[in-house]
Amino acid sequence: MEQPGGERAIEREFGKHFELPGIRRITVGRPFAWLALGWRDMRNNPGESIAYGVILAALGWLIWAYAQGRPQLFTASITSFFLIAPLLAAGLYEISRRQELGMSTSFGESLLAWRRSGGALAPFGVELVILAIFWERLSAILFALSYGGEAPGMQRFFHDVFLSGDYPMLVLAYVGVGAVFAAIVFVVSAVAIPMLLDRNGDIYTAMATSFLCVTRNIPAMLVWAALIVILVAVGFGTLLFGLIVIFPVLGHATWHAYREMTQWT
C-alpha cells in the first residue's frame, strides 16, 4: 500500500540519518495474534519466562513498599514500574528470538540479551530513567500545589483525591500528564528494545523505527496499547501476582510485534 505524502516525508527525513527497515502495515486485529504467539512462547519456555514475571512482581512489591506513606509518589512509582518493565523484558525477547531460530534457551543464556545489544540498552535505560525522574518531580509538585494538609496514608489518599471529588484538578493533572508520558514512552519504545537486540544498532534508529511502526499502524497500535493497559490492570488488581504470567506473555508478544512490523533488506 502506498504511503501518504506525510508519512513518506517523515520516513525520508529519518532515512537521511538512520538505516531504517521497511515498515509493514498490519490489520487492526493482529495484536491478538501477538498475544497468542506470546502465550505459545511462554508455554515452550515456562521456567525461564515465569522467572522474569517473578522478578518484575518482586520489583513492583518493592516499589509499592517504598511508596507506602508517600502517596505523592504513588503515580510516579507506577510510571517507574512501566519504565523498568521494557528493559527487563529484554531477556524475554532473547528467548523468543532464539526460539525463532530453533534454539533452546536457559535463563542464564537469556541474560546475554544485554550483551547482544552492544551496550545500546544502557543509554536507552538512562533516557527512560531521566524521564521517570522528571515525572516523579512533576508529580510531587502537582501534589504539593493541589493537595492541602499533611500527606495522608495511601488508603486515605485514594479516598480523598480520587473518590471524594474534592480534587478534580489534581486528578485531571495526574491522569492527563501521566497519559502524555505513557504515550511518549509507548511511541518511542514499542519495538525499540527488540530491535536493539536483533540488529545491534543505536537507540535513535530504534526509536525512529518504533515511531514509524506506531504512526503507520495507529488503529492496531491503539488496540495493542489498550490490551497492554487492560492486562497490566489485571496484574495490578491481583496484587501483582497476575503479572507473573501476564508479563512474560506481553514480553514474548512484543517480539512478534517487532518482527511482523519491520522488514529488513
Protein backbone atom coordinates (compact mmCIF):
# COMPACT_ATOMS: atom_id res chain seq x y z
CA MET A 1 0.00 0.00 0.00
CA GLU A 2 1.33 3.40 -0.95
CA GLN A 3 2.24 5.64 1.92
CA PRO A 4 0.54 9.04 2.27
CA GLY A 5 2.73 12.02 1.41
CA GLY A 6 3.24 13.00 5.05
CA GLU A 7 4.46 9.55 6.01
CA ARG A 8 6.81 9.39 3.03
CA ALA A 9 8.30 12.74 4.04
CA ILE A 10 8.82 11.60 7.63
CA GLU A 11 10.43 8.34 6.53
CA ARG A 12 12.70 10.14 4.03
CA GLU A 13 13.82 12.54 6.76
CA PHE A 14 14.59 9.72 9.17
CA GLY A 15 16.29 7.80 6.36
CA LYS A 16 18.81 10.60 5.87
CA HIS A 17 20.23 9.87 9.31
CA PHE A 18 19.29 6.29 10.20
CA GLU A 19 19.33 2.90 8.49
CA LEU A 20 15.66 2.09 8.81
CA PRO A 21 13.80 -1.12 7.95
CA GLY A 22 10.71 -1.26 5.83
CA ILE A 23 7.58 -0.79 7.93
CA ARG A 24 4.70 -3.15 7.21
CA ARG A 25 1.10 -2.17 7.61
CA ILE A 26 -0.88 -4.58 9.79
CA THR A 27 -4.56 -5.19 10.36
CA VAL A 28 -6.26 -3.95 13.48
CA GLY A 29 -6.70 -7.45 14.90
CA ARG A 30 -3.06 -8.52 14.75
CA PRO A 31 -2.29 -7.65 18.42
CA PHE A 32 -4.49 -10.58 19.44
CA ALA A 33 -2.33 -12.87 17.28
CA TRP A 34 0.77 -11.47 19.01
CA LEU A 35 -0.71 -12.42 22.36
CA ALA A 36 -1.36 -15.94 21.10
CA LEU A 37 2.24 -16.21 19.93
CA GLY A 38 3.44 -14.79 23.24
CA TRP A 39 1.44 -17.43 25.11
CA ARG A 40 2.97 -20.12 22.89
CA ASP A 41 6.50 -18.90 23.59
CA MET A 42 5.84 -18.86 27.32
CA ARG A 43 4.44 -22.40 27.27
CA ASN A 44 7.51 -23.55 25.34
CA ASN A 45 9.85 -21.88 27.85
CA PRO A 46 7.84 -21.90 31.10
CA GLY A 47 10.59 -21.81 33.72
CA GLU A 48 12.69 -19.12 32.06
CA SER A 49 9.66 -16.96 31.20
CA ILE A 50 7.97 -17.21 34.60
CA ALA A 51 11.28 -16.26 36.24
CA TYR A 52 11.05 -12.84 34.59
CA GLY A 53 7.47 -12.49 35.79
CA VAL A 54 8.54 -13.25 39.35
CA ILE A 55 11.36 -10.69 39.15
CA LEU A 56 9.02 -7.98 37.85
CA ALA A 57 6.42 -8.72 40.53
CA ALA A 58 9.11 -8.58 43.22
CA LEU A 59 10.32 -5.22 41.91
CA GLY A 60 6.73 -3.99 41.92
CA TRP A 61 6.27 -5.02 45.55
CA LEU A 62 9.45 -3.16 46.45
CA ILE A 63 8.25 -0.04 44.64
CA TRP A 64 4.89 -0.22 46.37
CA ALA A 65 6.59 -0.66 49.74
CA TYR A 66 8.65 2.46 49.06
CA ALA A 67 5.54 4.44 48.10
CA GLN A 68 3.70 3.49 51.30
CA GLY A 69 3.44 6.62 53.42
CA ARG A 70 4.47 8.69 50.38
CA PRO A 71 1.24 8.83 48.37
CA GLN A 72 2.53 11.81 46.42
CA LEU A 73 5.00 9.36 44.87
CA PHE A 74 2.40 6.73 44.03
CA THR A 75 1.77 7.81 40.43
CA ALA A 76 5.49 8.30 39.85
CA SER A 77 6.16 4.83 41.28
CA ILE A 78 3.68 3.31 38.84
CA THR A 79 5.40 5.17 36.00
CA SER A 80 8.78 3.87 37.15
CA PHE A 81 7.33 0.37 37.13
CA PHE A 82 6.31 0.76 33.50
CA LEU A 83 9.77 2.07 32.60
CA ILE A 84 11.51 -0.88 34.25
CA ALA A 85 9.36 -3.48 32.53
CA PRO A 86 10.55 -2.92 28.90
CA LEU A 87 14.19 -3.20 29.95
CA LEU A 88 13.57 -6.33 31.99
CA ALA A 89 11.67 -7.82 29.05
CA ALA A 90 14.90 -7.88 27.02
CA GLY A 91 15.52 -11.39 28.32
CA LEU A 92 12.08 -12.46 27.10
CA TYR A 93 12.80 -11.03 23.66
CA GLU A 94 16.00 -13.06 23.58
CA ILE A 95 14.08 -16.24 24.43
CA SER A 96 11.65 -15.60 21.56
CA ARG A 97 14.49 -14.70 19.20
CA ARG A 98 16.32 -17.93 19.92
CA GLN A 99 13.14 -19.98 19.69
CA GLU A 100 12.53 -18.46 16.27
CA LEU A 101 15.95 -19.79 15.27
CA GLY A 102 15.15 -23.23 16.67
CA MET A 103 17.43 -22.80 19.70
CA SER A 104 16.64 -23.66 23.29
CA THR A 105 17.38 -21.04 25.94
CA SER A 106 18.24 -21.29 29.61
CA PHE A 107 17.61 -18.40 31.97
CA GLY A 108 21.35 -17.66 32.04
CA GLU A 109 21.51 -17.58 28.24
CA SER A 110 18.57 -15.20 28.11
CA LEU A 111 20.58 -12.75 30.23
CA LEU A 112 23.03 -12.45 27.34
CA ALA A 113 20.41 -10.25 25.69
CA TRP A 114 22.02 -7.22 27.30
CA ARG A 115 25.37 -8.18 25.80
CA ARG A 116 23.81 -8.68 22.38
CA SER A 117 22.57 -5.09 22.38
CA GLY A 118 26.16 -3.87 22.16
CA GLY A 119 25.66 -1.58 25.13
CA ALA A 120 22.75 0.26 23.49
CA LEU A 121 20.32 -0.77 26.22
CA ALA A 122 22.29 1.19 28.81
CA PRO A 123 21.81 4.64 27.22
CA PHE A 124 18.22 3.74 26.37
CA GLY A 125 17.68 2.88 30.01
CA VAL A 126 19.29 6.14 31.08
CA GLU A 127 16.85 8.10 28.93
CA LEU A 128 13.92 6.23 30.46
CA VAL A 129 15.29 6.88 33.96
CA ILE A 130 15.63 10.60 33.21
CA LEU A 131 12.01 10.63 32.05
CA ALA A 132 10.95 8.81 35.22
CA ILE A 133 12.81 11.28 37.44
CA PHE A 134 11.24 14.22 35.62
CA TRP A 135 7.77 12.72 36.08
CA GLU A 136 8.46 11.98 39.75
CA ARG A 137 9.42 15.61 40.39
CA LEU A 138 6.46 16.91 38.42
CA SER A 139 4.16 14.52 40.28
CA ALA A 140 5.43 15.77 43.63
CA ILE A 141 4.94 19.39 42.55
CA LEU A 142 1.39 18.71 41.36
CA PHE A 143 0.62 17.02 44.64
CA ALA A 144 2.10 19.85 46.74
CA LEU A 145 0.22 22.53 44.81
CA SER A 146 -3.13 20.76 44.73
CA TYR A 147 -3.46 18.74 47.91
CA GLY A 148 -3.84 20.63 51.16
CA GLY A 149 -2.75 19.47 54.59
CA GLU A 150 -0.37 16.75 55.65
CA ALA A 151 0.42 13.81 53.42
CA PRO A 152 -2.19 11.11 54.14
CA GLY A 153 -1.78 7.38 54.20
CA MET A 154 -2.27 5.50 50.93
CA GLN A 155 -5.86 4.47 51.67
CA ARG A 156 -6.88 7.98 52.66
CA PHE A 157 -5.04 9.37 49.66
CA PHE A 158 -7.15 7.30 47.26
CA HIS A 159 -10.36 8.22 49.04
CA ASP A 160 -9.61 11.92 49.41
CA VAL A 161 -8.10 12.53 45.99
CA PHE A 162 -9.74 10.07 43.62
CA LEU A 163 -13.09 9.23 45.22
CA SER A 164 -14.22 12.30 47.14
CA GLY A 165 -14.48 14.60 44.14
CA ASP A 166 -12.75 17.37 46.12
CA TYR A 167 -9.65 17.46 43.93
CA PRO A 168 -10.82 17.32 40.31
CA MET A 169 -7.90 19.40 39.02
CA LEU A 170 -5.35 17.19 40.76
CA VAL A 171 -6.94 14.05 39.31
CA LEU A 172 -7.13 15.65 35.87
CA ALA A 173 -3.48 16.74 36.04
CA TYR A 174 -2.29 13.34 37.27
CA VAL A 175 -4.22 11.40 34.66
CA GLY A 176 -3.57 13.83 31.82
CA VAL A 177 0.14 14.32 32.35
CA GLY A 178 0.62 10.64 33.15
CA ALA A 179 -1.14 9.70 29.91
CA VAL A 180 1.15 12.01 27.93
CA PHE A 181 4.25 10.44 29.48
CA ALA A 182 2.90 6.95 28.86
CA ALA A 183 2.13 7.79 25.22
CA ILE A 184 5.62 9.17 24.64
CA VAL A 185 7.25 6.08 26.14
CA PHE A 186 4.98 3.79 24.12
CA VAL A 187 5.65 5.52 20.81
CA VAL A 188 9.45 5.52 21.15
CA SER A 189 9.81 2.09 22.74
CA ALA A 190 7.04 -0.08 21.24
CA VAL A 191 9.59 -2.09 19.23
CA ALA A 192 12.82 -0.29 20.10
CA ILE A 193 14.34 -2.77 22.54
CA PRO A 194 13.57 -5.88 20.43
CA MET A 195 15.22 -4.09 17.51
CA LEU A 196 18.31 -3.26 19.57
CA LEU A 197 18.69 -6.95 20.40
CA ASP A 198 18.04 -8.08 16.85
CA ARG A 199 20.13 -5.57 14.93
CA ASN A 200 22.68 -4.31 17.49
CA GLY A 201 22.05 -0.75 16.32
CA ASP A 202 21.82 2.63 18.03
CA ILE A 203 18.97 3.87 20.19
CA TYR A 204 17.97 6.68 17.83
CA THR A 205 17.46 4.31 14.91
CA ALA A 206 15.45 2.04 17.20
CA MET A 207 13.29 4.90 18.46
CA ALA A 208 12.76 6.22 14.93
CA THR A 209 11.69 2.75 13.80
CA SER A 210 9.34 2.47 16.76
CA PHE A 211 7.84 5.86 15.94
CA LEU A 212 7.19 4.82 12.34
CA CYS A 213 5.72 1.46 13.35
CA VAL A 214 3.24 3.19 15.64
CA THR A 215 2.31 6.04 13.31
CA ARG A 216 1.88 3.78 10.29
CA ASN A 217 -0.33 1.38 12.23
CA ILE A 218 -2.27 3.65 14.56
CA PRO A 219 -5.51 1.59 14.78
CA ALA A 220 -3.68 -1.67 15.51
CA MET A 221 -1.26 0.01 17.92
CA LEU A 222 -4.15 1.61 19.81
CA VAL A 223 -5.58 -1.87 20.23
CA TRP A 224 -2.16 -3.12 21.34
CA ALA A 225 -1.78 -0.30 23.86
CA ALA A 226 -5.30 -0.95 25.19
CA LEU A 227 -4.54 -4.66 25.60
CA ILE A 228 -1.36 -3.84 27.50
CA VAL A 229 -3.21 -1.44 29.81
CA ILE A 230 -6.04 -3.92 30.44
CA LEU A 231 -3.73 -6.86 31.12
CA VAL A 232 -1.44 -4.84 33.35
CA ALA A 233 -4.51 -3.54 35.22
CA VAL A 234 -5.48 -7.18 35.81
CA GLY A 235 -1.97 -7.76 37.09
CA PHE A 236 -2.23 -4.83 39.49
CA GLY A 237 -5.71 -5.91 40.53
CA THR A 238 -4.28 -9.26 41.64
CA LEU A 239 -1.62 -7.52 43.78
CA LEU A 240 0.94 -8.16 41.00
CA PHE A 241 0.60 -11.94 41.19
CA GLY A 242 -1.13 -11.95 37.81
CA LEU A 243 1.87 -10.22 36.27
CA ILE A 244 3.95 -13.32 36.92
CA VAL A 245 2.19 -14.80 33.87
CA ILE A 246 0.99 -11.65 32.08
CA PHE A 247 4.42 -10.03 31.85
CA PRO A 248 6.12 -12.94 30.04
CA VAL A 249 3.21 -13.23 27.60
CA LEU A 250 3.38 -9.50 26.80
CA GLY A 251 7.17 -9.62 26.50
CA HIS A 252 7.16 -12.50 24.03
CA ALA A 253 4.26 -10.90 22.15
CA THR A 254 6.23 -7.67 21.77
CA TRP A 255 8.99 -9.57 19.99
CA HIS A 256 6.46 -10.86 17.47
CA ALA A 257 5.04 -7.34 17.06
CA TYR A 258 8.53 -6.12 16.15
CA ARG A 259 9.16 -8.99 13.73
CA GLU A 260 5.84 -8.54 11.98
CA MET A 261 6.01 -4.77 11.51
CA THR A 262 9.64 -4.49 10.34
CA GLN A 263 11.24 -5.77 7.17
CA TRP A 264 14.99 -5.69 6.65
CA THR A 265 16.52 -5.86 3.19
